[in-house]
Amino acid sequence: MDGFYEAFGERVRKARAAQGMNQQELGSAVGLNRTSISNIEKGRQRVALHMLFEFAAVLQVDAESLLPAPDGRSDVLDELPEDARGWAQNVLANAQKEADRG
């Protein structure tokens, strides 16, 4: 289970960095201190379920994007360089919208 929280923390860290936020800013926005954010990002502190949605709202991401794959596989997008990841996510989101339209 530790691997799950480490992967979750890594996703939080990447989303925070993408928003240009530091740990203190994220902590203030979700009601935690900087030390808690650091521990969460390192996988040392577990997060209550309702906090998943707090993080997602503040980081402007879908809650699901913060959750690691249940089988422990890494997300293919995690393998992309940071500057290409956002572009790829936009392409996939637009493709999903087109598919939903029929």
PDB file of N, CA and C in Angstrom:
ATOM      1  N   MET A   1       0.823  -1.193   0.000  1.00  0.00           N
ATOM      2  CA  MET A   1       0.000   0.000   0.000  1.00  0.00           C
ATOM      3  C   MET A   1       0.866   1.256   0.000  1.00  0.00           C
ATOM      4  N   ASP A   2       2.091   1.148   0.518  1.00  0.00           N
ATOM      5  CA  ASP A   2       2.968   2.317   0.540  1.00  0.00           C
ATOM      6  C   ASP A   2       3.240   2.839  -0.866  1.00  0.00           C
ATOM      7  N   GLY A   3       3.372   1.919  -1.821  1.00  0.00           N
ATOM      8  CA  GLY A   3       3.613   2.323  -3.205  1.00  0.00           C
ATOM      9  C   GLY A   3       2.478   3.160  -3.762  1.00  0.00           C
ATOM     10  N   PHE A   4       1.262   2.837  -3.351  1.00  0.00           N
ATOM     11  CA  PHE A   4       0.097   3.605  -3.782  1.00  0.00           C
ATOM     12  C   PHE A   4       0.217   5.054  -3.325  1.00  0.00           C
ATOM     13  N   TYR A   5       0.540   5.252  -2.041  1.00  0.00           N
ATOM     14  CA  TYR A   5       0.645   6.608  -1.500  1.00  0.00           C
ATOM     15  C   TYR A   5       1.852   7.360  -2.051  1.00  0.00           C
ATOM     16  N   GLU A   6       2.915   6.636  -2.363  1.00  0.00           N
ATOM     17  CA  GLU A   6       4.065   7.279  -2.999  1.00  0.00           C
ATOM     18  C   GLU A   6       3.692   7.765  -4.398  1.00  0.00           C
ATOM     19  N   ALA A   7       2.965   6.930  -5.147  1.00  0.00           N
ATOM     20  CA  ALA A   7       2.542   7.318  -6.494  1.00  0.00           C
ATOM     21  C   ALA A   7       1.539   8.468  -6.436  1.00  0.00           C
ATOM     22  N   PHE A   8       0.623   8.414  -5.471  1.00  0.00           N
ATOM     23  CA  PHE A   8      -0.331   9.512  -5.292  1.00  0.00           C
ATOM     24  C   PHE A   8       0.427  10.809  -4.997  1.00  0.00           C
ATOM     25  N   GLY A   9       1.375  10.751  -4.083  1.00  0.00           N
ATOM     26  CA  GLY A   9       2.158  11.925  -3.718  1.00  0.00           C
ATOM     27  C   GLY A   9       2.926  12.497  -4.889  1.00  0.00           C
ATOM     28  N   GLU A  10       3.457  11.624  -5.711  1.00  0.00           N
ATOM     29  CA  GLU A  10       4.188  12.077  -6.898  1.00  0.00           C
ATOM     30  C   GLU A  10       3.252  12.804  -7.856  1.00  0.00           C
ATOM     31  N   ARG A  11       2.042  12.302  -8.002  1.00  0.00           N
ATOM     32  CA  ARG A  11       1.065  12.949  -8.879  1.00  0.00           C
ATOM     33  C   ARG A  11       0.656  14.314  -8.319  1.00  0.00           C
ATOM     34  N   VAL A  12       0.497  14.390  -6.997  1.00  0.00           N
ATOM     35  CA  VAL A  12       0.182  15.675  -6.374  1.00  0.00           C
ATOM     36  C   VAL A  12       1.328  16.650  -6.615  1.00  0.00           C
ATOM     37  N   ARG A  13       2.554  16.183  -6.419  1.00  0.00           N
ATOM     38  CA  ARG A  13       3.720  17.052  -6.613  1.00  0.00           C
ATOM     39  C   ARG A  13       3.788  17.580  -8.044  1.00  0.00           C
ATOM     40  N   LYS A  14       3.573  16.699  -9.016  1.00  0.00           N
ATOM     41  CA  LYS A  14       3.634  17.117 -10.419  1.00  0.00           C
ATOM     42  C   LYS A  14       2.524  18.111 -10.744  1.00  0.00           C
ATOM     43  N   ALA A  15       1.326  17.862 -10.233  1.00  0.00           N
ATOM     44  CA  ALA A  15       0.210  18.784 -10.487  1.00  0.00           C
ATOM     45  C   ALA A  15       0.461  20.130  -9.816  1.00  0.00           C
ATOM     46  N   ARG A  16       1.031  20.092  -8.617  1.00  0.00           N
ATOM     47  CA  ARG A  16       1.357  21.337  -7.907  1.00  0.00           C
ATOM     48  C   ARG A  16       2.385  22.134  -8.693  1.00  0.00           C
ATOM     49  N   ALA A  17       3.420  21.459  -9.153  1.00  0.00           N
ATOM     50  CA  ALA A  17       4.475  22.129  -9.922  1.00  0.00           C
ATOM     51  C   ALA A  17       3.910  22.705 -11.223  1.00  0.00           C
ATOM     52  N   ALA A  18       3.000  21.969 -11.850  1.00  0.00           N
ATOM     53  CA  ALA A  18       2.395  22.444 -13.098  1.00  0.00           C
ATOM     54  C   ALA A  18       1.586  23.716 -12.869  1.00  0.00           C
ATOM     55  N   GLN A  19       1.059  23.885 -11.674  1.00  0.00           N
ATOM     56  CA  GLN A  19       0.304  25.094 -11.329  1.00  0.00           C
ATOM     57  C   GLN A  19       1.213  26.214 -10.836  1.00  0.00           C
ATOM     58  N   GLY A  20       2.500  25.921 -10.701  1.00  0.00           N
ATOM     59  CA  GLY A  20       3.447  26.926 -10.224  1.00  0.00           C
ATOM     60  C   GLY A  20       3.284  27.242  -8.744  1.00  0.00           C
ATOM     61  N   MET A  21       2.777  26.280  -7.993  1.00  0.00           N
ATOM     62  CA  MET A  21       2.548  26.470  -6.562  1.00  0.00           C
ATOM     63  C   MET A  21       3.675  25.848  -5.759  1.00  0.00           C
ATOM     64  N   ASN A  22       3.951  26.421  -4.592  1.00  0.00           N
ATOM     65  CA  ASN A  22       4.878  25.762  -3.675  1.00  0.00           C
ATOM     66  C   ASN A  22       4.050  24.987  -2.644  1.00  0.00           C
ATOM     67  N   GLN A  23       4.738  24.230  -1.810  1.00  0.00           N
ATOM     68  CA  GLN A  23       4.041  23.394  -0.834  1.00  0.00           C
ATOM     69  C   GLN A  23       3.231  24.227   0.153  1.00  0.00           C
ATOM     70  N   GLN A  24       3.754  25.360   0.542  1.00  0.00           N
ATOM     71  CA  GLN A  24       3.044  26.233   1.485  1.00  0.00           C
ATOM     72  C   GLN A  24       1.735  26.727   0.882  1.00  0.00           C
ATOM     73  N   GLU A  25       1.774  27.134  -0.366  1.00  0.00           N
ATOM     74  CA  GLU A  25       0.570  27.636  -1.038  1.00  0.00           C
ATOM     75  C   GLU A  25      -0.486  26.543  -1.164  1.00  0.00           C
ATOM     76  N   LEU A  26      -0.057  25.353  -1.555  1.00  0.00           N
ATOM     77  CA  LEU A  26      -1.004  24.242  -1.667  1.00  0.00           C
ATOM     78  C   LEU A  26      -1.591  23.913  -0.300  1.00  0.00           C
ATOM     79  N   GLY A  27      -0.734  23.841   0.704  1.00  0.00           N
ATOM     80  CA  GLY A  27      -1.208  23.540   2.048  1.00  0.00           C
ATOM     81  C   GLY A  27      -2.236  24.542   2.531  1.00  0.00           C
ATOM     82  N   SER A  28      -1.970  25.809   2.339  1.00  0.00           N
ATOM     83  CA  SER A  28      -2.910  26.851   2.751  1.00  0.00           C
ATOM     84  C   SER A  28      -4.245  26.702   2.033  1.00  0.00           C
ATOM     85  N   ALA A  29      -4.189  26.362   0.752  1.00  0.00           N
ATOM     86  CA  ALA A  29      -5.409  26.238  -0.043  1.00  0.00           C
ATOM     87  C   ALA A  29      -6.274  25.046   0.362  1.00  0.00           C
ATOM     88  N   VAL A  30      -5.643  23.976   0.875  1.00  0.00           N
ATOM     89  CA  VAL A  30      -6.419  22.783   1.249  1.00  0.00           C
ATOM     90  C   VAL A  30      -6.550  22.620   2.756  1.00  0.00           C
ATOM     91  N   GLY A  31      -5.992  23.551   3.516  1.00  0.00           N
ATOM     92  CA  GLY A  31      -6.132  23.499   4.966  1.00  0.00           C
ATOM     93  C   GLY A  31      -5.126  22.613   5.679  1.00  0.00           C
ATOM     94  N   LEU A  32      -3.955  22.433   5.081  1.00  0.00           N
ATOM     95  CA  LEU A  32      -2.887  21.649   5.701  1.00  0.00           C
ATOM     96  C   LEU A  32      -1.631  22.511   5.788  1.00  0.00           C
ATOM     97  N   ASN A  33      -0.680  22.094   6.632  1.00  0.00           N
ATOM     98  CA  ASN A  33       0.565  22.848   6.695  1.00  0.00           C
ATOM     99  C   ASN A  33       1.573  22.310   5.673  1.00  0.00           C
ATOM    100  N   ARG A  34       2.640  23.047   5.460  1.00  0.00           N
ATOM    101  CA  ARG A  34       3.641  22.670   4.464  1.00  0.00           C
ATOM    102  C   ARG A  34       4.258  21.310   4.755  1.00  0.00           C
ATOM    103  N   THR A  35       4.469  21.009   6.031  1.00  0.00           N
ATOM    104  CA  THR A  35       5.057  19.720   6.399  1.00  0.00           C
ATOM    105  C   THR A  35       4.153  18.566   5.977  1.00  0.00           C
ATOM    106  N   SER A  36       2.850  18.737   6.149  1.00  0.00           N
ATOM    107  CA  SER A  36       1.912  17.697   5.716  1.00  0.00           C
ATOM    108  C   SER A  36       1.975  17.498   4.210  1.00  0.00           C
ATOM    109  N   ILE A  37       2.037  18.597   3.470  1.00  0.00           N
ATOM    110  CA  ILE A  37       2.133  18.486   2.006  1.00  0.00           C
ATOM    111  C   ILE A  37       3.414  17.754   1.628  1.00  0.00           C
ATOM    112  N   SER A  38       4.517  18.086   2.258  1.00  0.00           N
ATOM    113  CA  SER A  38       5.780  17.403   1.995  1.00  0.00           C
ATOM    114  C   SER A  38       5.655  15.906   2.267  1.00  0.00           C
ATOM    115  N   ASN A  39       5.059  15.568   3.401  1.00  0.00           N
ATOM    116  CA  ASN A  39       4.893  14.149   3.759  1.00  0.00           C
ATOM    117  C   ASN A  39       3.959  13.433   2.789  1.00  0.00           C
ATOM    118  N   ILE A  40       2.907  14.096   2.350  1.00  0.00           N
ATOM    119  CA  ILE A  40       1.992  13.496   1.373  1.00  0.00           C
ATOM    120  C   ILE A  40       2.725  13.251   0.065  1.00  0.00           C
ATOM    121  N   GLU A  41       3.483  14.232  -0.397  1.00  0.00           N
ATOM    122  CA  GLU A  41       4.202  14.092  -1.660  1.00  0.00           C
ATOM    123  C   GLU A  41       5.251  12.993  -1.609  1.00  0.00           C
ATOM    124  N   LYS A  42       5.759  12.691  -0.433  1.00  0.00           N
ATOM    125  CA  LYS A  42       6.749  11.618  -0.275  1.00  0.00           C
ATOM    126  C   LYS A  42       6.096  10.276   0.043  1.00  0.00           C
ATOM    127  N   GLY A  43       4.766  10.253   0.166  1.00  0.00           N
ATOM    128  CA  GLY A  43       4.059   9.012   0.447  1.00  0.00           C
ATOM    129  C   GLY A  43       4.093   8.603   1.896  1.00  0.00           C
ATOM    130  N   ARG A  44       4.508   9.499   2.784  1.00  0.00           N
ATOM    131  CA  ARG A  44       4.625   9.172   4.210  1.00  0.00           C
ATOM    132  C   ARG A  44       3.355   9.482   4.994  1.00  0.00           C
ATOM    133  N   GLN A  45       2.452  10.250   4.404  1.00  0.00           N
ATOM    134  CA  GLN A  45       1.218  10.617   5.098  1.00  0.00           C
ATOM    135  C   GLN A  45       0.038  10.232   4.224  1.00  0.00           C
ATOM    136  N   ARG A  46      -0.883   9.481   4.802  1.00  0.00           N
ATOM    137  CA  ARG A  46      -2.082   9.085   4.071  1.00  0.00           C
ATOM    138  C   ARG A  46      -3.071  10.231   4.047  1.00  0.00           C
ATOM    139  N   VAL A  47      -3.936  10.191   3.057  1.00  0.00           N
ATOM    140  CA  VAL A  47      -4.867  11.283   2.821  1.00  0.00           C
ATOM    141  C   VAL A  47      -6.292  10.765   2.958  1.00  0.00           C
ATOM    142  N   ALA A  48      -7.124  11.508   3.692  1.00  0.00           N
ATOM    143  CA  ALA A  48      -8.541  11.167   3.801  1.00  0.00           C
ATOM    144  C   ALA A  48      -9.197  11.322   2.431  1.00  0.00           C
ATOM    145  N   LEU A  49     -10.186  10.514   2.163  1.00  0.00           N
ATOM    146  CA  LEU A  49     -10.828  10.490   0.856  1.00  0.00           C
ATOM    147  C   LEU A  49     -11.336  11.862   0.425  1.00  0.00           C
ATOM    148  N   HIS A  50     -11.945  12.605   1.331  1.00  0.00           N
ATOM    149  CA  HIS A  50     -12.475  13.917   0.948  1.00  0.00           C
ATOM    150  C   HIS A  50     -11.362  14.876   0.507  1.00  0.00           C
ATOM    151  N   MET A  51     -10.143  14.650   0.985  1.00  0.00           N
ATOM    152  CA  MET A  51      -9.031  15.516   0.606  1.00  0.00           C
ATOM    153  C   MET A  51      -8.628  15.320  -0.857  1.00  0.00           C
ATOM    154  N   LEU A  52      -8.910  14.156  -1.408  1.00  0.00           N
ATOM    155  CA  LEU A  52      -8.631  13.927  -2.826  1.00  0.00           C
ATOM    156  C   LEU A  52      -9.314  15.008  -3.659  1.00  0.00           C
ATOM    157  N   PHE A  53     -10.556  15.311  -3.321  1.00  0.00           N
ATOM    158  CA  PHE A  53     -11.310  16.298  -4.078  1.00  0.00           C
ATOM    159  C   PHE A  53     -10.846  17.722  -3.780  1.00  0.00           C
ATOM    160  N   GLU A  54     -10.367  17.956  -2.567  1.00  0.00           N
ATOM    161  CA  GLU A  54      -9.793  19.259  -2.234  1.00  0.00           C
ATOM    162  C   GLU A  54      -8.539  19.509  -3.087  1.00  0.00           C
ATOM    163  N   PHE A  55      -7.660  18.516  -3.123  1.00  0.00           N
ATOM    164  CA  PHE A  55      -6.439  18.642  -3.929  1.00  0.00           C
ATOM    165  C   PHE A  55      -6.793  18.864  -5.397  1.00  0.00           C
ATOM    166  N   ALA A  56      -7.720  18.056  -5.922  1.00  0.00           N
ATOM    167  CA  ALA A  56      -8.077  18.164  -7.331  1.00  0.00           C
ATOM    168  C   ALA A  56      -8.619  19.550  -7.666  1.00  0.00           C
ATOM    169  N   ALA A  57      -9.483  20.084  -6.805  1.00  0.00           N
ATOM    170  CA  ALA A  57     -10.063  21.402  -7.068  1.00  0.00           C
ATOM    171  C   ALA A  57      -8.994  22.484  -7.077  1.00  0.00           C
ATOM    172  N   VAL A  58      -8.126  22.455  -6.087  1.00  0.00           N
ATOM    173  CA  VAL A  58      -7.085  23.483  -5.985  1.00  0.00           C
ATOM    174  C   VAL A  58      -6.079  23.357  -7.126  1.00  0.00           C
ATOM    175  N   LEU A  59      -5.759  22.120  -7.495  1.00  0.00           N
ATOM    176  CA  LEU A  59      -4.762  21.889  -8.538  1.00  0.00           C
ATOM    177  C   LEU A  59      -5.359  21.925  -9.947  1.00  0.00           C
ATOM    178  N   GLN A  60      -6.675  22.112 -10.015  1.00  0.00           N
ATOM    179  CA  GLN A  60      -7.381  22.212 -11.287  1.00  0.00           C
ATOM    180  C   GLN A  60      -7.170  20.991 -12.180  1.00  0.00           C
ATOM    181  N   VAL A  61      -7.331  19.811 -11.558  1.00  0.00           N
ATOM    182  CA  VAL A  61      -7.238  18.547 -12.277  1.00  0.00           C
ATOM    183  C   VAL A  61      -8.427  17.681 -11.878  1.00  0.00           C
ATOM    184  N   ASP A  62      -8.691  16.658 -12.649  1.00  0.00           N
ATOM    185  CA  ASP A  62      -9.703  15.681 -12.261  1.00  0.00           C
ATOM    186  C   ASP A  62      -9.154  14.856 -11.107  1.00  0.00           C
ATOM    187  N   ALA A  63     -10.007  14.531 -10.158  1.00  0.00           N
ATOM    188  CA  ALA A  63      -9.578  13.729  -9.014  1.00  0.00           C
ATOM    189  C   ALA A  63      -8.947  12.414  -9.471  1.00  0.00           C
ATOM    190  N   GLU A  64      -9.502  11.829 -10.521  1.00  0.00           N
ATOM    191  CA  GLU A  64      -8.990  10.547 -11.018  1.00  0.00           C
ATOM    192  C   GLU A  64      -7.541  10.634 -11.473  1.00  0.00           C
ATOM    193  N   SER A  65      -7.142  11.813 -11.942  1.00  0.00           N
ATOM    194  CA  SER A  65      -5.766  11.950 -12.432  1.00  0.00           C
ATOM    195  C   SER A  65      -4.739  11.899 -11.309  1.00  0.00           C
ATOM    196  N   LEU A  66      -5.184  12.085 -10.077  1.00  0.00           N
ATOM    197  CA  LEU A  66      -4.269  12.004  -8.939  1.00  0.00           C
ATOM    198  C   LEU A  66      -4.129  10.586  -8.410  1.00  0.00           C
ATOM    199  N   LEU A  67      -5.039   9.707  -8.830  1.00  0.00           N
ATOM    200  CA  LEU A  67      -5.015   8.330  -8.339  1.00  0.00           C
ATOM    201  C   LEU A  67      -4.146   7.449  -9.227  1.00  0.00           C
ATOM    202  N   PRO A  68      -3.262   6.675  -8.615  1.00  0.00           N
ATOM    203  CA  PRO A  68      -2.445   5.734  -9.390  1.00  0.00           C
ATOM    204  C   PRO A  68      -3.312   4.615  -9.954  1.00  0.00           C
ATOM    205  N   ALA A  69      -2.827   3.962 -10.987  1.00  0.00           N
ATOM    206  CA  ALA A  69      -3.524   2.815 -11.553  1.00  0.00           C
ATOM    207  C   ALA A  69      -3.630   1.730 -10.484  1.00  0.00           C
ATOM    208  N   PRO A  70      -4.785   1.061 -10.388  1.00  0.00           N
ATOM    209  CA  PRO A  70      -4.981   0.079  -9.324  1.00  0.00           C
ATOM    210  C   PRO A  70      -4.036  -1.114  -9.392  1.00  0.00           C
ATOM    211  N   ASP A  71      -3.560  -1.437 -10.576  1.00  0.00           N
ATOM    212  CA  ASP A  71      -2.674  -2.592 -10.706  1.00  0.00           C
ATOM    213  C   ASP A  71      -1.205  -2.222 -10.585  1.00  0.00           C
ATOM    214  N   GLY A  72      -0.934  -0.975 -10.218  1.00  0.00           N
ATOM    215  CA  GLY A  72       0.443  -0.547 -10.014  1.00  0.00           C
ATOM    216  C   GLY A  72       1.173  -0.111 -11.267  1.00  0.00           C
ATOM    217  N   ARG A  73       0.507  -0.212 -12.426  1.00  0.00           N
ATOM    218  CA  ARG A  73       1.144   0.234 -13.661  1.00  0.00           C
ATOM    219  C   ARG A  73       1.293   1.744 -13.645  1.00  0.00           C
ATOM    220  N   SER A  74       2.336   2.222 -14.246  1.00  0.00           N
ATOM    221  CA  SER A  74       2.497   3.674 -14.345  1.00  0.00           C
ATOM    222  C   SER A  74       1.668   4.174 -15.520  1.00  0.00           C
ATOM    223  N   ASP A  75       1.267   5.396 -15.449  1.00  0.00           N
ATOM    224  CA  ASP A  75       0.535   6.043 -16.520  1.00  0.00           C
ATOM    225  C   ASP A  75       1.527   6.343 -17.638  1.00  0.00           C
ATOM    226  N   VAL A  76       1.158   6.048 -18.854  1.00  0.00           N
ATOM    227  CA  VAL A  76       2.045   6.293 -19.995  1.00  0.00           C
ATOM    228  C   VAL A  76       2.437   7.764 -20.054  1.00  0.00           C
ATOM    229  N   LEU A  77       1.514   8.650 -19.690  1.00  0.00           N
ATOM    230  CA  LEU A  77       1.817  10.082 -19.727  1.00  0.00           C
ATOM    231  C   LEU A  77       2.908  10.455 -18.730  1.00  0.00           C
ATOM    232  N   ASP A  78       3.045   9.673 -17.669  1.00  0.00           N
ATOM    233  CA  ASP A  78       4.089   9.952 -16.682  1.00  0.00           C
ATOM    234  C   ASP A  78       5.485   9.809 -17.282  1.00  0.00           C
ATOM    235  N   GLU A  79       5.576   9.064 -18.369  1.00  0.00           N
ATOM    236  CA  GLU A  79       6.868   8.830 -19.009  1.00  0.00           C
ATOM    237  C   GLU A  79       7.281   9.977 -19.923  1.00  0.00           C
ATOM    238  N   LEU A  80       6.335  10.859 -20.248  1.00  0.00           N
ATOM    239  CA  LEU A  80       6.636  11.989 -21.137  1.00  0.00           C
ATOM    240  C   LEU A  80       7.336  13.105 -20.381  1.00  0.00           C
ATOM    241  N   PRO A  81       8.142  13.884 -21.075  1.00  0.00           N
ATOM    242  CA  PRO A  81       8.719  15.069 -20.437  1.00  0.00           C
ATOM    243  C   PRO A  81       7.595  16.021 -20.016  1.00  0.00           C
ATOM    244  N   GLU A  82       7.828  16.773 -18.948  1.00  0.00           N
ATOM    245  CA  GLU A  82       6.810  17.679 -18.404  1.00  0.00           C
ATOM    246  C   GLU A  82       6.209  18.583 -19.473  1.00  0.00           C
ATOM    247  N   ASP A  83       7.051  19.156 -20.361  1.00  0.00           N
ATOM    248  CA  ASP A  83       6.543  20.103 -21.345  1.00  0.00           C
ATOM    249  C   ASP A  83       5.658  19.438 -22.390  1.00  0.00           C
ATOM    250  N   ALA A  84       5.806  18.156 -22.618  1.00  0.00           N
ATOM    251  CA  ALA A  84       4.978  17.448 -23.598  1.00  0.00           C
ATOM    252  C   ALA A  84       3.735  16.841 -22.960  1.00  0.00           C
ATOM    253  N   ARG A  85       3.763  16.622 -21.666  1.00  0.00           N
ATOM    254  CA  ARG A  85       2.647  15.961 -20.980  1.00  0.00           C
ATOM    255  C   ARG A  85       1.348  16.752 -21.074  1.00  0.00           C
ATOM    256  N   GLY A  86       1.416  18.059 -20.837  1.00  0.00           N
ATOM    257  CA  GLY A  86       0.219  18.896 -20.924  1.00  0.00           C
ATOM    258  C   GLY A  86      -0.385  18.877 -22.314  1.00  0.00           C
ATOM    259  N   TRP A  87       0.468  18.941 -23.320  1.00  0.00           N
ATOM    260  CA  TRP A  87       0.003  18.892 -24.693  1.00  0.00           C
ATOM    261  C   TRP A  87      -0.697  17.563 -24.964  1.00  0.00           C
ATOM    262  N   ALA A  88      -0.095  16.468 -24.541  1.00  0.00           N
ATOM    263  CA  ALA A  88      -0.686  15.147 -24.766  1.00  0.00           C
ATOM    264  C   ALA A  88      -2.019  15.010 -24.031  1.00  0.00           C
ATOM    265  N   GLN A  89      -2.106  15.542 -22.818  1.00  0.00           N
ATOM    266  CA  GLN A  89      -3.358  15.482 -22.062  1.00  0.00           C
ATOM    267  C   GLN A  89      -4.453  16.264 -22.784  1.00  0.00           C
ATOM    268  N   ASN A  90      -4.101  17.415 -23.351  1.00  0.00           N
ATOM    269  CA  ASN A  90      -5.083  18.203 -24.111  1.00  0.00           C
ATOM    270  C   ASN A  90      -5.556  17.458 -25.354  1.00  0.00           C
ATOM    271  N   VAL A  91      -4.637  16.829 -26.054  1.00  0.00           N
ATOM    272  CA  VAL A  91      -5.002  16.068 -27.254  1.00  0.00           C
ATOM    273  C   VAL A  91      -5.960  14.934 -26.873  1.00  0.00           C
ATOM    274  N   LEU A  92      -5.641  14.213 -25.802  1.00  0.00           N
ATOM    275  CA  LEU A  92      -6.499  13.116 -25.370  1.00  0.00           C
ATOM    276  C   LEU A  92      -7.864  13.612 -24.904  1.00  0.00           C
ATOM    277  N   ALA A  93      -7.894  14.728 -24.188  1.00  0.00           N
ATOM    278  CA  ALA A  93      -9.165  15.285 -23.724  1.00  0.00           C
ATOM    279  C   ALA A  93     -10.033  15.703 -24.909  1.00  0.00           C
ATOM    280  N   ASN A  94      -9.421  16.340 -25.910  1.00  0.00           N
ATOM    281  CA  ASN A  94     -10.174  16.741 -27.100  1.00  0.00           C
ATOM    282  C   ASN A  94     -10.672  15.527 -27.876  1.00  0.00           C
ATOM    283  N   ALA A  95      -9.862  14.496 -27.959  1.00  0.00           N
ATOM    284  CA  ALA A  95     -10.285  13.273 -28.640  1.00  0.00           C
ATOM    285  C   ALA A  95     -11.455  12.633 -27.905  1.00  0.00           C
ATOM    286  N   GLN A  96     -11.424  12.654 -26.570  1.00  0.00           N
ATOM    287  CA  GLN A  96     -12.520  12.091 -25.787  1.00  0.00           C
ATOM    288  C   GLN A  96     -13.804  12.885 -26.011  1.00  0.00           C
ATOM    289  N   LYS A  97     -13.691  14.216 -26.063  1.00  0.00           N
ATOM    290  CA  LYS A  97     -14.865  15.064 -26.320  1.00  0.00           C
ATOM    291  C   LYS A  97     -15.474  14.741 -27.676  1.00  0.00           C
ATOM    292  N   GLU A  98     -14.615  14.580 -28.678  1.00  0.00           N
ATOM    293  CA  GLU A  98     -15.101  14.225 -30.025  1.00  0.00           C
ATOM    294  C   GLU A  98     -15.785  12.867 -30.012  1.00  0.00           C
ATOM    295  N   ALA A  99     -15.207  11.924 -29.310  1.00  0.00           N
ATOM    296  CA  ALA A  99     -15.794  10.582 -29.233  1.00  0.00           C
ATOM    297  C   ALA A  99     -17.134  10.622 -28.507  1.00  0.00           C
ATOM    298  N   ASP A 100     -17.249  11.450 -27.502  1.00  0.00           N
ATOM    299  CA  ASP A 100     -18.500  11.566 -26.738  1.00  0.00           C
ATOM    300  C   ASP A 100     -19.619  12.185 -27.581  1.00  0.00           C
ATOM    301  N   ARG A 101     -19.235  13.045 -28.517  1.00  0.00           N
ATOM    302  CA  ARG A 101     -20.223  13.688 -29.387  1.00  0.00           C
ATOM    303  C   ARG A 101     -20.816  12.708 -30.378  1.00  0.00           C
ATOM    304  N   GLY A 102     -20.082  11.633 -30.631  1.00  0.00           N
ATOM    305  CA  GLY A 102     -20.614  10.605 -31.517  1.00  0.00           C
ATOM    306  C   GLY A 102     -20.000  10.624 -32.825  1.00  0.00           C
TER     307      GLY A 102
END
